[in-house]
């Protein structure tokens, strides 16, 4: 691996997944209830 790329990867932050389960559950519930973010219809 090239030194510049390796250094850049060391500085990158890990993904923030603290609330991923909550968001996934809320998205699933909204889809099941037919709710859309902008009030559109399911396609």
PDB file of N, CA and C in Angstrom:
ATOM      1  N   UNK A   1       0.854  -1.180   0.000  1.00  0.00           N
ATOM      2  CA  UNK A   1       0.000   0.000   0.000  1.00  0.00           C
ATOM      3  C   UNK A   1       0.893   1.235   0.000  1.00  0.00           C
ATOM      4  N   UNK A   2       0.485   2.224  -0.752  1.00  0.00           N
ATOM      5  CA  UNK A   2       1.270   3.447  -0.855  1.00  0.00           C
ATOM      6  C   UNK A   2       1.214   4.210   0.469  1.00  0.00           C
ATOM      7  N   UNK A   3       2.317   4.833   0.872  1.00  0.00           N
ATOM      8  CA  UNK A   3       2.372   5.527   2.160  1.00  0.00           C
ATOM      9  C   UNK A   3       1.294   6.597   2.330  1.00  0.00           C
ATOM     10  N   UNK A   4       1.010   7.360   1.283  1.00  0.00           N
ATOM     11  CA  UNK A   4       0.000   8.418   1.391  1.00  0.00           C
ATOM     12  C   UNK A   4      -1.385   7.828   1.659  1.00  0.00           C
ATOM     13  N   UNK A   5      -1.726   6.771   0.952  1.00  0.00           N
ATOM     14  CA  UNK A   5      -3.015   6.113   1.147  1.00  0.00           C
ATOM     15  C   UNK A   5      -3.110   5.500   2.536  1.00  0.00           C
ATOM     16  N   UNK A   6      -2.030   4.868   2.968  1.00  0.00           N
ATOM     17  CA  UNK A   6      -2.013   4.255   4.289  1.00  0.00           C
ATOM     18  C   UNK A   6      -2.215   5.305   5.382  1.00  0.00           C
ATOM     19  N   UNK A   7      -1.565   6.456   5.233  1.00  0.00           N
ATOM     20  CA  UNK A   7      -1.691   7.533   6.213  1.00  0.00           C
ATOM     21  C   UNK A   7      -3.119   8.083   6.236  1.00  0.00           C
ATOM     22  N   UNK A   8      -3.718   8.230   5.054  1.00  0.00           N
ATOM     23  CA  UNK A   8      -5.094   8.737   4.969  1.00  0.00           C
ATOM     24  C   UNK A   8      -6.066   7.778   5.642  1.00  0.00           C
ATOM     25  N   UNK A   9      -5.854   6.487   5.461  1.00  0.00           N
ATOM     26  CA  UNK A   9      -6.739   5.490   6.066  1.00  0.00           C
ATOM     27  C   UNK A   9      -6.607   5.491   7.586  1.00  0.00           C
ATOM     28  N   UNK A  10      -5.440   5.778   8.095  1.00  0.00           N
ATOM     29  CA  UNK A  10      -5.228   5.820   9.538  1.00  0.00           C
ATOM     30  C   UNK A  10      -5.962   6.996  10.161  1.00  0.00           C
ATOM     31  N   UNK A  11      -6.142   8.064   9.406  1.00  0.00           N
ATOM     32  CA  UNK A  11      -6.799   9.269   9.925  1.00  0.00           C
ATOM     33  C   UNK A  11      -8.321   9.199   9.832  1.00  0.00           C
ATOM     34  N   UNK A  12      -8.843   8.317   9.001  1.00  0.00           N
ATOM     35  CA  UNK A  12     -10.290   8.265   8.822  1.00  0.00           C
ATOM     36  C   UNK A  12     -10.955   7.700  10.072  1.00  0.00           C
ATOM     37  N   UNK A  13     -12.120   8.242  10.377  1.00  0.00           N
ATOM     38  CA  UNK A  13     -12.855   7.828  11.564  1.00  0.00           C
ATOM     39  C   UNK A  13     -13.729   6.623  11.234  1.00  0.00           C
ATOM     40  N   UNK A  14     -13.931   5.747  12.195  1.00  0.00           N
ATOM     41  CA  UNK A  14     -14.831   4.619  11.953  1.00  0.00           C
ATOM     42  C   UNK A  14     -16.267   5.123  11.796  1.00  0.00           C
ATOM     43  N   UNK A  15     -17.115   4.381  11.122  1.00  0.00           N
ATOM     44  CA  UNK A  15     -18.495   4.828  10.926  1.00  0.00           C
ATOM     45  C   UNK A  15     -19.239   4.918  12.258  1.00  0.00           C
ATOM     46  N   UNK A  16     -20.120   5.889  12.344  1.00  0.00           N
ATOM     47  CA  UNK A  16     -20.927   6.071  13.548  1.00  0.00           C
ATOM     48  C   UNK A  16     -22.156   5.175  13.427  1.00  0.00           C
ATOM     49  N   UNK A  17     -22.155   4.080  14.150  1.00  0.00           N
ATOM     50  CA  UNK A  17     -23.249   3.114  14.067  1.00  0.00           C
ATOM     51  C   UNK A  17     -24.003   2.995  15.394  1.00  0.00           C
ATOM     52  N   UNK A  18     -23.867   4.001  16.230  1.00  0.00           N
ATOM     53  CA  UNK A  18     -24.478   3.954  17.564  1.00  0.00           C
ATOM     54  C   UNK A  18     -25.994   3.738  17.495  1.00  0.00           C
ATOM     55  N   UNK A  19     -26.665   4.401  16.551  1.00  0.00           N
ATOM     56  CA  UNK A  19     -28.127   4.334  16.492  1.00  0.00           C
ATOM     57  C   UNK A  19     -28.649   3.577  15.276  1.00  0.00           C
ATOM     58  N   UNK A  20     -27.788   2.801  14.623  1.00  0.00           N
ATOM     59  CA  UNK A  20     -28.204   2.135  13.388  1.00  0.00           C
ATOM     60  C   UNK A  20     -29.391   1.203  13.615  1.00  0.00           C
ATOM     61  N   UNK A  21     -29.453   0.516  14.731  1.00  0.00           N
ATOM     62  CA  UNK A  21     -30.577  -0.387  14.991  1.00  0.00           C
ATOM     63  C   UNK A  21     -31.887   0.380  15.137  1.00  0.00           C
ATOM     64  N   UNK A  22     -31.843   1.516  15.811  1.00  0.00           N
ATOM     65  CA  UNK A  22     -33.054   2.333  15.968  1.00  0.00           C
ATOM     66  C   UNK A  22     -33.542   2.852  14.623  1.00  0.00           C
ATOM     67  N   UNK A  23     -32.618   3.370  13.808  1.00  0.00           N
ATOM     68  CA  UNK A  23     -33.008   3.909  12.510  1.00  0.00           C
ATOM     69  C   UNK A  23     -33.527   2.821  11.585  1.00  0.00           C
ATOM     70  N   UNK A  24     -32.908   1.660  11.620  1.00  0.00           N
ATOM     71  CA  UNK A  24     -33.355   0.551  10.780  1.00  0.00           C
ATOM     72  C   UNK A  24     -34.756   0.113  11.174  1.00  0.00           C
ATOM     73  N   UNK A  25     -35.009   0.014  12.471  1.00  0.00           N
ATOM     74  CA  UNK A  25     -36.335  -0.379  12.955  1.00  0.00           C
ATOM     75  C   UNK A  25     -37.382   0.671  12.588  1.00  0.00           C
ATOM     76  N   UNK A  26     -37.046   1.947  12.740  1.00  0.00           N
ATOM     77  CA  UNK A  26     -37.983   3.019  12.406  1.00  0.00           C
ATOM     78  C   UNK A  26     -38.290   3.018  10.908  1.00  0.00           C
ATOM     79  N   UNK A  27     -37.283   2.784  10.084  1.00  0.00           N
ATOM     80  CA  UNK A  27     -37.496   2.725   8.639  1.00  0.00           C
ATOM     81  C   UNK A  27     -38.394   1.548   8.271  1.00  0.00           C
ATOM     82  N   UNK A  28     -38.141   0.394   8.871  1.00  0.00           N
ATOM     83  CA  UNK A  28     -38.955  -0.795   8.598  1.00  0.00           C
ATOM     84  C   UNK A  28     -40.407  -0.549   9.002  1.00  0.00           C
ATOM     85  N   UNK A  29     -40.600   0.028  10.173  1.00  0.00           N
ATOM     86  CA  UNK A  29     -41.956   0.301  10.663  1.00  0.00           C
ATOM     87  C   UNK A  29     -42.676   1.278   9.734  1.00  0.00           C
ATOM     88  N   UNK A  30     -41.985   2.322   9.297  1.00  0.00           N
ATOM     89  CA  UNK A  30     -42.596   3.309   8.407  1.00  0.00           C
ATOM     90  C   UNK A  30     -42.989   2.678   7.079  1.00  0.00           C
ATOM     91  N   UNK A  31     -42.126   1.827   6.542  1.00  0.00           N
ATOM     92  CA  UNK A  31     -42.457   1.158   5.275  1.00  0.00           C
ATOM     93  C   UNK A  31     -43.658   0.238   5.434  1.00  0.00           C
ATOM     94  N   UNK A  32     -43.689  -0.510   6.533  1.00  0.00           N
ATOM     95  CA  UNK A  32     -44.806  -1.429   6.768  1.00  0.00           C
ATOM     96  C   UNK A  32     -46.114  -0.686   6.946  1.00  0.00           C
ATOM     97  N   UNK A  33     -46.061   0.520   7.520  1.00  0.00           N
ATOM     98  CA  UNK A  33     -47.264   1.324   7.741  1.00  0.00           C
ATOM     99  C   UNK A  33     -47.625   2.183   6.528  1.00  0.00           C
ATOM    100  N   UNK A  34     -46.793   2.110   5.486  1.00  0.00           N
ATOM    101  CA  UNK A  34     -47.070   2.878   4.280  1.00  0.00           C
ATOM    102  C   UNK A  34     -46.736   4.348   4.415  1.00  0.00           C
ATOM    103  N   UNK A  35     -45.904   4.713   5.376  1.00  0.00           N
ATOM    104  CA  UNK A  35     -45.516   6.120   5.550  1.00  0.00           C
ATOM    105  C   UNK A  35     -44.258   6.394   4.735  1.00  0.00           C
ATOM    106  N   UNK A  36     -44.232   7.546   4.108  1.00  0.00           N
ATOM    107  CA  UNK A  36     -43.077   7.972   3.330  1.00  0.00           C
ATOM    108  C   UNK A  36     -42.580   9.292   3.895  1.00  0.00           C
ATOM    109  N   UNK A  37     -41.323   9.575   3.668  1.00  0.00           N
ATOM    110  CA  UNK A  37     -40.696  10.786   4.202  1.00  0.00           C
ATOM    111  C   UNK A  37     -41.371  12.052   3.704  1.00  0.00           C
ATOM    112  N   UNK A  38     -41.718  12.102   2.419  1.00  0.00           N
ATOM    113  CA  UNK A  38     -42.334  13.280   1.860  1.00  0.00           C
ATOM    114  C   UNK A  38     -43.817  13.080   1.545  1.00  0.00           C
ATOM    115  N   UNK A  39     -44.403  12.070   2.107  1.00  0.00           N
ATOM    116  CA  UNK A  39     -45.829  11.824   1.909  1.00  0.00           C
ATOM    117  C   UNK A  39     -46.169  11.229   0.563  1.00  0.00           C
ATOM    118  N   UNK A  40     -45.188  10.723  -0.155  1.00  0.00           N
ATOM    119  CA  UNK A  40     -45.439  10.097  -1.454  1.00  0.00           C
ATOM    120  C   UNK A  40     -45.945   8.675  -1.287  1.00  0.00           C
ATOM    121  N   UNK A  41     -46.280   8.081  -2.393  1.00  0.00           N
ATOM    122  CA  UNK A  41     -46.756   6.704  -2.362  1.00  0.00           C
ATOM    123  C   UNK A  41     -45.584   5.738  -2.477  1.00  0.00           C
ATOM    124  N   UNK A  42     -45.756   4.538  -1.941  1.00  0.00           N
ATOM    125  CA  UNK A  42     -44.740   3.492  -2.118  1.00  0.00           C
ATOM    126  C   UNK A  42     -44.678   3.090  -3.576  1.00  0.00           C
ATOM    127  N   UNK A  43     -43.486   2.877  -4.079  1.00  0.00           N
ATOM    128  CA  UNK A  43     -43.347   2.475  -5.477  1.00  0.00           C
ATOM    129  C   UNK A  43     -42.798   1.094  -5.547  1.00  0.00           C
TER     130      UNK A  43
END
